[in-house]
Amino acid sequence: MPVSASTLYIHFMSKTKIKYTDEPMGKLRVIKDFLPPPDRLVLREEKVKVTISLSKESVEFFKKEAKKHRTSYQKMIRRVIDFYASQFQKSA
């Protein structure tokens, strides 16, 4: 199906089609840049390597979820542990 120059179809993985046209967008305004500089976007935390044995079911769960969210399962596990620790540090 040919697509006109003024129309662009984007086909997402979910098979949803979004149609963009050359319609007027209304009154636009420029906003102040609110994004931090790149060096402030890098979150480097000191890490300590540990060896831990987890249940097979837990690891499979995190691997499945990580794949869905396109991230590392180790990072997800680390975030859960960090969140847990921070909740108890606040109350201590």
PDB file of N, CA and C in Angstrom:
ATOM      1  N   MET A   1       0.847  -1.175   0.000  1.00  0.00           N
ATOM      2  CA  MET A   1       0.000   0.000   0.000  1.00  0.00           C
ATOM      3  C   MET A   1       0.889   1.233   0.000  1.00  0.00           C
ATOM      4  N   PRO A   2       0.809   2.090  -1.020  1.00  0.00           N
ATOM      5  CA  PRO A   2       1.649   3.281  -1.069  1.00  0.00           C
ATOM      6  C   PRO A   2       1.248   4.277   0.013  1.00  0.00           C
ATOM      7  N   VAL A   3       2.228   4.955   0.570  1.00  0.00           N
ATOM      8  CA  VAL A   3       1.989   5.951   1.612  1.00  0.00           C
ATOM      9  C   VAL A   3       2.302   7.310   1.021  1.00  0.00           C
ATOM     10  N   SER A   4       1.380   8.266   1.190  1.00  0.00           N
ATOM     11  CA  SER A   4       1.605   9.606   0.642  1.00  0.00           C
ATOM     12  C   SER A   4       2.727  10.285   1.408  1.00  0.00           C
ATOM     13  N   ALA A   5       3.299  11.315   0.800  1.00  0.00           N
ATOM     14  CA  ALA A   5       4.408  12.027   1.418  1.00  0.00           C
ATOM     15  C   ALA A   5       3.985  12.721   2.702  1.00  0.00           C
ATOM     16  N   SER A   6       2.706  13.090   2.812  1.00  0.00           N
ATOM     17  CA  SER A   6       2.251  13.824   3.999  1.00  0.00           C
ATOM     18  C   SER A   6       1.794  12.911   5.125  1.00  0.00           C
ATOM     19  N   THR A   7       1.817  11.602   4.899  1.00  0.00           N
ATOM     20  CA  THR A   7       1.359  10.668   5.922  1.00  0.00           C
ATOM     21  C   THR A   7       2.435   9.646   6.211  1.00  0.00           C
ATOM     22  N   LEU A   8       2.664   9.391   7.487  1.00  0.00           N
ATOM     23  CA  LEU A   8       3.671   8.420   7.899  1.00  0.00           C
ATOM     24  C   LEU A   8       2.999   7.420   8.821  1.00  0.00           C
ATOM     25  N   TYR A   9       3.150   6.155   8.509  1.00  0.00           N
ATOM     26  CA  TYR A   9       2.610   5.114   9.367  1.00  0.00           C
ATOM     27  C   TYR A   9       3.765   4.482  10.141  1.00  0.00           C
ATOM     28  N   ILE A  10       3.583   4.393  11.434  1.00  0.00           N
ATOM     29  CA  ILE A  10       4.568   3.708  12.265  1.00  0.00           C
ATOM     30  C   ILE A  10       3.904   2.446  12.777  1.00  0.00           C
ATOM     31  N   HIS A  11       4.553   1.338  12.562  1.00  0.00           N
ATOM     32  CA  HIS A  11       3.995   0.041  12.926  1.00  0.00           C
ATOM     33  C   HIS A  11       4.751  -0.483  14.141  1.00  0.00           C
ATOM     34  N   PHE A  12       4.094  -0.462  15.284  1.00  0.00           N
ATOM     35  CA  PHE A  12       4.724  -0.904  16.516  1.00  0.00           C
ATOM     36  C   PHE A  12       4.619  -2.416  16.648  1.00  0.00           C
ATOM     37  N   MET A  13       5.389  -2.959  17.585  1.00  0.00           N
ATOM     38  CA  MET A  13       5.374  -4.394  17.843  1.00  0.00           C
ATOM     39  C   MET A  13       3.982  -4.873  18.241  1.00  0.00           C
ATOM     40  N   SER A  14       3.198  -4.005  18.838  1.00  0.00           N
ATOM     41  CA  SER A  14       1.854  -4.396  19.251  1.00  0.00           C
ATOM     42  C   SER A  14       0.869  -4.371  18.085  1.00  0.00           C
ATOM     43  N   LYS A  15       1.357  -4.107  16.907  1.00  0.00           N
ATOM     44  CA  LYS A  15       0.534  -4.066  15.692  1.00  0.00           C
ATOM     45  C   LYS A  15      -0.412  -2.871  15.680  1.00  0.00           C
ATOM     46  N   THR A  16      -0.159  -1.883  16.527  1.00  0.00           N
ATOM     47  CA  THR A  16      -0.969  -0.676  16.555  1.00  0.00           C
ATOM     48  C   THR A  16      -0.415   0.298  15.531  1.00  0.00           C
ATOM     49  N   LYS A  17      -1.287   0.860  14.725  1.00  0.00           N
ATOM     50  CA  LYS A  17      -0.856   1.842  13.739  1.00  0.00           C
ATOM     51  C   LYS A  17      -1.210   3.226  14.235  1.00  0.00           C
ATOM     52  N   ILE A  18      -0.239   4.124  14.170  1.00  0.00           N
ATOM     53  CA  ILE A  18      -0.459   5.520  14.506  1.00  0.00           C
ATOM     54  C   ILE A  18      -0.300   6.294  13.215  1.00  0.00           C
ATOM     55  N   LYS A  19      -1.252   7.134  12.930  1.00  0.00           N
ATOM     56  CA  LYS A  19      -1.224   7.901  11.687  1.00  0.00           C
ATOM     57  C   LYS A  19      -0.825   9.342  12.007  1.00  0.00           C
ATOM     58  N   TYR A  20       0.252   9.816  11.388  1.00  0.00           N
ATOM     59  CA  TYR A  20       0.704  11.186  11.532  1.00  0.00           C
ATOM     60  C   TYR A  20       0.394  11.916  10.240  1.00  0.00           C
ATOM     61  N   THR A  21      -0.114  13.125  10.354  1.00  0.00           N
ATOM     62  CA  THR A  21      -0.434  13.909   9.165  1.00  0.00           C
ATOM     63  C   THR A  21       0.210  15.286   9.273  1.00  0.00           C
ATOM     64  N   ASP A  22       0.018  16.094   8.235  1.00  0.00           N
ATOM     65  CA  ASP A  22       0.559  17.456   8.206  1.00  0.00           C
ATOM     66  C   ASP A  22      -0.430  18.470   8.774  1.00  0.00           C
ATOM     67  N   GLU A  23      -1.309  18.049   9.654  1.00  0.00           N
ATOM     68  CA  GLU A  23      -2.314  18.945  10.232  1.00  0.00           C
ATOM     69  C   GLU A  23      -1.629  20.002  11.096  1.00  0.00           C
ATOM     70  N   PRO A  24      -2.224  21.203  11.189  1.00  0.00           N
ATOM     71  CA  PRO A  24      -1.661  22.239  12.071  1.00  0.00           C
ATOM     72  C   PRO A  24      -1.686  21.763  13.521  1.00  0.00           C
ATOM     73  N   MET A  25      -0.660  22.132  14.295  1.00  0.00           N
ATOM     74  CA  MET A  25      -0.572  21.686  15.686  1.00  0.00           C
ATOM     75  C   MET A  25      -1.045  22.740  16.671  1.00  0.00           C
ATOM     76  N   GLY A  26      -1.436  23.911  16.209  1.00  0.00           N
ATOM     77  CA  GLY A  26      -1.874  24.959  17.126  1.00  0.00           C
ATOM     78  C   GLY A  26      -0.712  25.832  17.547  1.00  0.00           C
ATOM     79  N   LYS A  27      -0.940  26.654  18.566  1.00  0.00           N
ATOM     80  CA  LYS A  27       0.087  27.585  19.040  1.00  0.00           C
ATOM     81  C   LYS A  27       1.157  26.825  19.818  1.00  0.00           C
ATOM     82  N   LEU A  28       2.393  26.976  19.437  1.00  0.00           N
ATOM     83  CA  LEU A  28       3.519  26.313  20.092  1.00  0.00           C
ATOM     84  C   LEU A  28       4.356  27.335  20.832  1.00  0.00           C
ATOM     85  N   ARG A  29       5.043  26.877  21.877  1.00  0.00           N
ATOM     86  CA  ARG A  29       5.959  27.772  22.588  1.00  0.00           C
ATOM     87  C   ARG A  29       7.219  27.012  22.943  1.00  0.00           C
ATOM     88  N   VAL A  30       8.324  27.711  22.999  1.00  0.00           N
ATOM     89  CA  VAL A  30       9.608  27.118  23.360  1.00  0.00           C
ATOM     90  C   VAL A  30       9.705  27.129  24.883  1.00  0.00           C
ATOM     91  N   ILE A  31      10.119  25.996  25.449  1.00  0.00           N
ATOM     92  CA  ILE A  31      10.280  25.929  26.897  1.00  0.00           C
ATOM     93  C   ILE A  31      11.764  25.865  27.246  1.00  0.00           C
ATOM     94  N   LYS A  32      12.086  26.304  28.438  1.00  0.00           N
ATOM     95  CA  LYS A  32      13.464  26.290  28.924  1.00  0.00           C
ATOM     96  C   LYS A  32      13.938  24.846  29.037  1.00  0.00           C
ATOM     97  N   ASP A  33      15.193  24.607  28.696  1.00  0.00           N
ATOM     98  CA  ASP A  33      15.771  23.270  28.797  1.00  0.00           C
ATOM     99  C   ASP A  33      15.805  22.859  30.262  1.00  0.00           C
ATOM    100  N   PHE A  34      15.121  21.767  30.587  1.00  0.00           N
ATOM    101  CA  PHE A  34      15.022  21.322  31.970  1.00  0.00           C
ATOM    102  C   PHE A  34      15.808  20.047  32.234  1.00  0.00           C
ATOM    103  N   LEU A  35      16.453  19.520  31.212  1.00  0.00           N
ATOM    104  CA  LEU A  35      17.189  18.267  31.378  1.00  0.00           C
ATOM    105  C   LEU A  35      18.548  18.512  32.017  1.00  0.00           C
ATOM    106  N   PRO A  36      18.967  17.613  32.907  1.00  0.00           N
ATOM    107  CA  PRO A  36      20.298  17.764  33.516  1.00  0.00           C
ATOM    108  C   PRO A  36      21.386  17.452  32.493  1.00  0.00           C
ATOM    109  N   PRO A  37      22.602  17.934  32.725  1.00  0.00           N
ATOM    110  CA  PRO A  37      23.700  17.607  31.811  1.00  0.00           C
ATOM    111  C   PRO A  37      24.012  16.110  31.875  1.00  0.00           C
ATOM    112  N   PRO A  38      24.623  15.579  30.813  1.00  0.00           N
ATOM    113  CA  PRO A  38      24.892  14.138  30.753  1.00  0.00           C
ATOM    114  C   PRO A  38      25.634  13.579  31.964  1.00  0.00           C
ATOM    115  N   ASP A  39      26.574  14.327  32.532  1.00  0.00           N
ATOM    116  CA  ASP A  39      27.331  13.800  33.662  1.00  0.00           C
ATOM    117  C   ASP A  39      26.452  13.577  34.898  1.00  0.00           C
ATOM    118  N   ARG A  40      25.314  14.255  34.979  1.00  0.00           N
ATOM    119  CA  ARG A  40      24.394  14.045  36.103  1.00  0.00           C
ATOM    120  C   ARG A  40      23.401  12.913  35.828  1.00  0.00           C
ATOM    121  N   LEU A  41      23.371  12.416  34.606  1.00  0.00           N
ATOM    122  CA  LEU A  41      22.486  11.310  34.268  1.00  0.00           C
ATOM    123  C   LEU A  41      23.102   9.961  34.594  1.00  0.00           C
ATOM    124  N   VAL A  42      24.414   9.933  34.765  1.00  0.00           N
ATOM    125  CA  VAL A  42      25.113   8.682  35.042  1.00  0.00           C
ATOM    126  C   VAL A  42      25.050   8.421  36.543  1.00  0.00           C
ATOM    127  N   LEU A  43      24.319   7.373  36.904  1.00  0.00           N
ATOM    128  CA  LEU A  43      24.178   7.033  38.314  1.00  0.00           C
ATOM    129  C   LEU A  43      25.169   5.933  38.663  1.00  0.00           C
ATOM    130  N   ARG A  44      26.278   6.329  39.195  1.00  0.00           N
ATOM    131  CA  ARG A  44      27.320   5.371  39.582  1.00  0.00           C
ATOM    132  C   ARG A  44      27.278   5.179  41.077  1.00  0.00           C
ATOM    133  N   GLU A  45      26.897   4.007  41.481  1.00  0.00           N
ATOM    134  CA  GLU A  45      26.913   3.680  42.894  1.00  0.00           C
ATOM    135  C   GLU A  45      28.023   2.674  43.143  1.00  0.00           C
ATOM    136  N   GLU A  46      28.631   2.790  44.292  1.00  0.00           N
ATOM    137  CA  GLU A  46      29.652   1.822  44.654  1.00  0.00           C
ATOM    138  C   GLU A  46      28.986   0.471  44.841  1.00  0.00           C
ATOM    139  N   LYS A  47      29.537  -0.545  44.230  1.00  0.00           N
ATOM    140  CA  LYS A  47      28.974  -1.885  44.307  1.00  0.00           C
ATOM    141  C   LYS A  47      29.987  -2.837  44.909  1.00  0.00           C
ATOM    142  N   VAL A  48      29.476  -3.850  45.570  1.00  0.00           N
ATOM    143  CA  VAL A  48      30.296  -4.894  46.154  1.00  0.00           C
ATOM    144  C   VAL A  48      29.832  -6.211  45.555  1.00  0.00           C
ATOM    145  N   LYS A  49      30.765  -6.989  45.041  1.00  0.00           N
ATOM    146  CA  LYS A  49      30.412  -8.290  44.469  1.00  0.00           C
ATOM    147  C   LYS A  49      30.190  -9.293  45.588  1.00  0.00           C
ATOM    148  N   VAL A  50      29.073 -10.031  45.456  1.00  0.00           N
ATOM    149  CA  VAL A  50      28.762 -11.081  46.416  1.00  0.00           C
ATOM    150  C   VAL A  50      28.329 -12.327  45.657  1.00  0.00           C
ATOM    151  N   THR A  51      28.414 -13.442  46.323  1.00  0.00           N
ATOM    152  CA  THR A  51      27.891 -14.694  45.775  1.00  0.00           C
ATOM    153  C   THR A  51      26.692 -15.067  46.617  1.00  0.00           C
ATOM    154  N   ILE A  52      25.573 -15.341  45.953  1.00  0.00           N
ATOM    155  CA  ILE A  52      24.337 -15.650  46.653  1.00  0.00           C
ATOM    156  C   ILE A  52      23.628 -16.781  45.916  1.00  0.00           C
ATOM    157  N   SER A  53      23.030 -17.670  46.662  1.00  0.00           N
ATOM    158  CA  SER A  53      22.231 -18.740  46.058  1.00  0.00           C
ATOM    159  C   SER A  53      20.765 -18.364  46.187  1.00  0.00           C
ATOM    160  N   LEU A  54      20.075 -18.344  45.067  1.00  0.00           N
ATOM    161  CA  LEU A  54      18.655 -18.008  45.038  1.00  0.00           C
ATOM    162  C   LEU A  54      17.882 -19.208  44.524  1.00  0.00           C
ATOM    163  N   SER A  55      16.593 -19.235  44.819  1.00  0.00           N
ATOM    164  CA  SER A  55      15.786 -20.337  44.312  1.00  0.00           C
ATOM    165  C   SER A  55      15.664 -20.224  42.792  1.00  0.00           C
ATOM    166  N   LYS A  56      15.551 -21.355  42.164  1.00  0.00           N
ATOM    167  CA  LYS A  56      15.420 -21.409  40.709  1.00  0.00           C
ATOM    168  C   LYS A  56      14.191 -20.611  40.264  1.00  0.00           C
ATOM    169  N   GLU A  57      13.098 -20.730  41.012  1.00  0.00           N
ATOM    170  CA  GLU A  57      11.859 -20.033  40.667  1.00  0.00           C
ATOM    171  C   GLU A  57      12.044 -18.513  40.701  1.00  0.00           C
ATOM    172  N   SER A  58      12.765 -18.024  41.704  1.00  0.00           N
ATOM    173  CA  SER A  58      12.999 -16.580  41.809  1.00  0.00           C
ATOM    174  C   SER A  58      13.808 -16.072  40.624  1.00  0.00           C
ATOM    175  N   VAL A  59      14.861 -16.777  40.296  1.00  0.00           N
ATOM    176  CA  VAL A  59      15.715 -16.355  39.185  1.00  0.00           C
ATOM    177  C   VAL A  59      14.925 -16.391  37.874  1.00  0.00           C
ATOM    178  N   GLU A  60      14.141 -17.445  37.666  1.00  0.00           N
ATOM    179  CA  GLU A  60      13.327 -17.541  36.450  1.00  0.00           C
ATOM    180  C   GLU A  60      12.331 -16.395  36.374  1.00  0.00           C
ATOM    181  N   PHE A  61      11.724 -16.041  37.516  1.00  0.00           N
ATOM    182  CA  PHE A  61      10.794 -14.915  37.554  1.00  0.00           C
ATOM    183  C   PHE A  61      11.484 -13.625  37.114  1.00  0.00           C
ATOM    184  N   PHE A  62      12.644 -13.321  37.724  1.00  0.00           N
ATOM    185  CA  PHE A  62      13.340 -12.084  37.398  1.00  0.00           C
ATOM    186  C   PHE A  62      13.837 -12.079  35.951  1.00  0.00           C
ATOM    187  N   LYS A  63      14.286 -13.206  35.445  1.00  0.00           N
ATOM    188  CA  LYS A  63      14.713 -13.277  34.046  1.00  0.00           C
ATOM    189  C   LYS A  63      13.547 -12.995  33.101  1.00  0.00           C
ATOM    190  N   LYS A  64      12.383 -13.564  33.408  1.00  0.00           N
ATOM    191  CA  LYS A  64      11.194 -13.360  32.580  1.00  0.00           C
ATOM    192  C   LYS A  64      10.775 -11.889  32.598  1.00  0.00           C
ATOM    193  N   GLU A  65      10.721 -11.309  33.783  1.00  0.00           N
ATOM    194  CA  GLU A  65      10.329  -9.907  33.912  1.00  0.00           C
ATOM    195  C   GLU A  65      11.350  -8.980  33.261  1.00  0.00           C
ATOM    196  N   ALA A  66      12.623  -9.287  33.438  1.00  0.00           N
ATOM    197  CA  ALA A  66      13.677  -8.460  32.850  1.00  0.00           C
ATOM    198  C   ALA A  66      13.585  -8.467  31.329  1.00  0.00           C
ATOM    199  N   LYS A  67      13.302  -9.624  30.770  1.00  0.00           N
ATOM    200  CA  LYS A  67      13.168  -9.718  29.315  1.00  0.00           C
ATOM    201  C   LYS A  67      12.001  -8.859  28.822  1.00  0.00           C
ATOM    202  N   LYS A  68      10.879  -8.901  29.548  1.00  0.00           N
ATOM    203  CA  LYS A  68       9.712  -8.094  29.169  1.00  0.00           C
ATOM    204  C   LYS A  68      10.026  -6.606  29.193  1.00  0.00           C
ATOM    205  N   HIS A  69      10.873  -6.199  30.150  1.00  0.00           N
ATOM    206  CA  HIS A  69      11.168  -4.781  30.338  1.00  0.00           C
ATOM    207  C   HIS A  69      12.523  -4.373  29.761  1.00  0.00           C
ATOM    208  N   ARG A  70      13.139  -5.299  29.043  1.00  0.00           N
ATOM    209  CA  ARG A  70      14.424  -5.052  28.358  1.00  0.00           C
ATOM    210  C   ARG A  70      15.479  -4.487  29.303  1.00  0.00           C
ATOM    211  N   THR A  71      15.686  -5.227  30.374  1.00  0.00           N
ATOM    212  CA  THR A  71      16.717  -4.835  31.328  1.00  0.00           C
ATOM    213  C   THR A  71      17.398  -6.096  31.837  1.00  0.00           C
ATOM    214  N   SER A  72      18.331  -5.923  32.740  1.00  0.00           N
ATOM    215  CA  SER A  72      19.085  -7.027  33.309  1.00  0.00           C
ATOM    216  C   SER A  72      18.362  -7.573  34.540  1.00  0.00           C
ATOM    217  N   TYR A  73      18.282  -8.889  34.631  1.00  0.00           N
ATOM    218  CA  TYR A  73      17.634  -9.474  35.813  1.00  0.00           C
ATOM    219  C   TYR A  73      18.459  -9.199  37.065  1.00  0.00           C
ATOM    220  N   GLN A  74      19.792  -9.145  36.918  1.00  0.00           N
ATOM    221  CA  GLN A  74      20.628  -8.843  38.083  1.00  0.00           C
ATOM    222  C   GLN A  74      20.340  -7.429  38.601  1.00  0.00           C
ATOM    223  N   LYS A  75      20.128  -6.499  37.674  1.00  0.00           N
ATOM    224  CA  LYS A  75      19.823  -5.128  38.064  1.00  0.00           C
ATOM    225  C   LYS A  75      18.482  -5.078  38.802  1.00  0.00           C
ATOM    226  N   MET A  76      17.514  -5.853  38.343  1.00  0.00           N
ATOM    227  CA  MET A  76      16.215  -5.872  39.010  1.00  0.00           C
ATOM    228  C   MET A  76      16.340  -6.426  40.431  1.00  0.00           C
ATOM    229  N   ILE A  77      17.084  -7.498  40.585  1.00  0.00           N
ATOM    230  CA  ILE A  77      17.289  -8.087  41.914  1.00  0.00           C
ATOM    231  C   ILE A  77      18.003  -7.078  42.815  1.00  0.00           C
ATOM    232  N   ARG A  78      19.026  -6.419  42.283  1.00  0.00           N
ATOM    233  CA  ARG A  78      19.775  -5.416  43.051  1.00  0.00           C
ATOM    234  C   ARG A  78      18.846  -4.283  43.496  1.00  0.00           C
ATOM    235  N   ARG A  79      17.946  -3.830  42.617  1.00  0.00           N
ATOM    236  CA  ARG A  79      17.017  -2.751  42.965  1.00  0.00           C
ATOM    237  C   ARG A  79      16.048  -3.182  44.062  1.00  0.00           C
ATOM    238  N   VAL A  80      15.572  -4.435  44.001  1.00  0.00           N
ATOM    239  CA  VAL A  80      14.666  -4.944  45.045  1.00  0.00           C
ATOM    240  C   VAL A  80      15.378  -4.942  46.397  1.00  0.00           C
ATOM    241  N   ILE A  81      16.607  -5.429  46.409  1.00  0.00           N
ATOM    242  CA  ILE A  81      17.367  -5.479  47.665  1.00  0.00           C
ATOM    243  C   ILE A  81      17.659  -4.069  48.168  1.00  0.00           C
ATOM    244  N   ASP A  82      18.047  -3.158  47.263  1.00  0.00           N
ATOM    245  CA  ASP A  82      18.300  -1.765  47.657  1.00  0.00           C
ATOM    246  C   ASP A  82      17.038  -1.116  48.226  1.00  0.00           C
ATOM    247  N   PHE A  83      15.890  -1.360  47.583  1.00  0.00           N
ATOM    248  CA  PHE A  83      14.632  -0.796  48.065  1.00  0.00           C
ATOM    249  C   PHE A  83      14.301  -1.338  49.455  1.00  0.00           C
ATOM    250  N   TYR A  84      14.441  -2.636  49.620  1.00  0.00           N
ATOM    251  CA  TYR A  84      14.171  -3.274  50.914  1.00  0.00           C
ATOM    252  C   TYR A  84      15.052  -2.654  51.999  1.00  0.00           C
ATOM    253  N   ALA A  85      16.335  -2.539  51.710  1.00  0.00           N
ATOM    254  CA  ALA A  85      17.268  -1.985  52.708  1.00  0.00           C
ATOM    255  C   ALA A  85      16.926  -0.529  53.024  1.00  0.00           C
ATOM    256  N   SER A  86      16.575   0.255  52.013  1.00  0.00           N
ATOM    257  CA  SER A  86      16.271   1.667  52.252  1.00  0.00           C
ATOM    258  C   SER A  86      15.018   1.842  53.100  1.00  0.00           C
ATOM    259  N   GLN A  87      14.047   0.947  52.959  1.00  0.00           N
ATOM    260  CA  GLN A  87      12.825   1.036  53.776  1.00  0.00           C
ATOM    261  C   GLN A  87      13.129   0.823  55.247  1.00  0.00           C
ATOM    262  N   PHE A  88      14.028  -0.088  55.553  1.00  0.00           N
ATOM    263  CA  PHE A  88      14.353  -0.362  56.941  1.00  0.00           C
ATOM    264  C   PHE A  88      15.372   0.619  57.505  1.00  0.00           C
ATOM    265  N   GLN A  89      16.195   1.219  56.651  1.00  0.00           N
ATOM    266  CA  GLN A  89      17.127   2.234  57.127  1.00  0.00           C
ATOM    267  C   GLN A  89      16.382   3.483  57.551  1.00  0.00           C
ATOM    268  N   LYS A  90      15.275   3.813  56.873  1.00  0.00           N
ATOM    269  CA  LYS A  90      14.483   4.988  57.201  1.00  0.00           C
ATOM    270  C   LYS A  90      13.853   4.878  58.590  1.00  0.00           C
ATOM    271  N   SER A  91      13.418   3.670  58.937  1.00  0.00           N
ATOM    272  CA  SER A  91      12.740   3.460  60.208  1.00  0.00           C
ATOM    273  C   SER A  91      13.715   3.206  61.360  1.00  0.00           C
ATOM    274  N   ALA A  92      14.976   3.012  61.070  1.00  0.00           N
ATOM    275  CA  ALA A  92      15.949   2.694  62.129  1.00  0.00           C
ATOM    276  C   ALA A  92      16.492   3.940  62.788  1.00  0.00           C
TER     277      ALA A  92
END
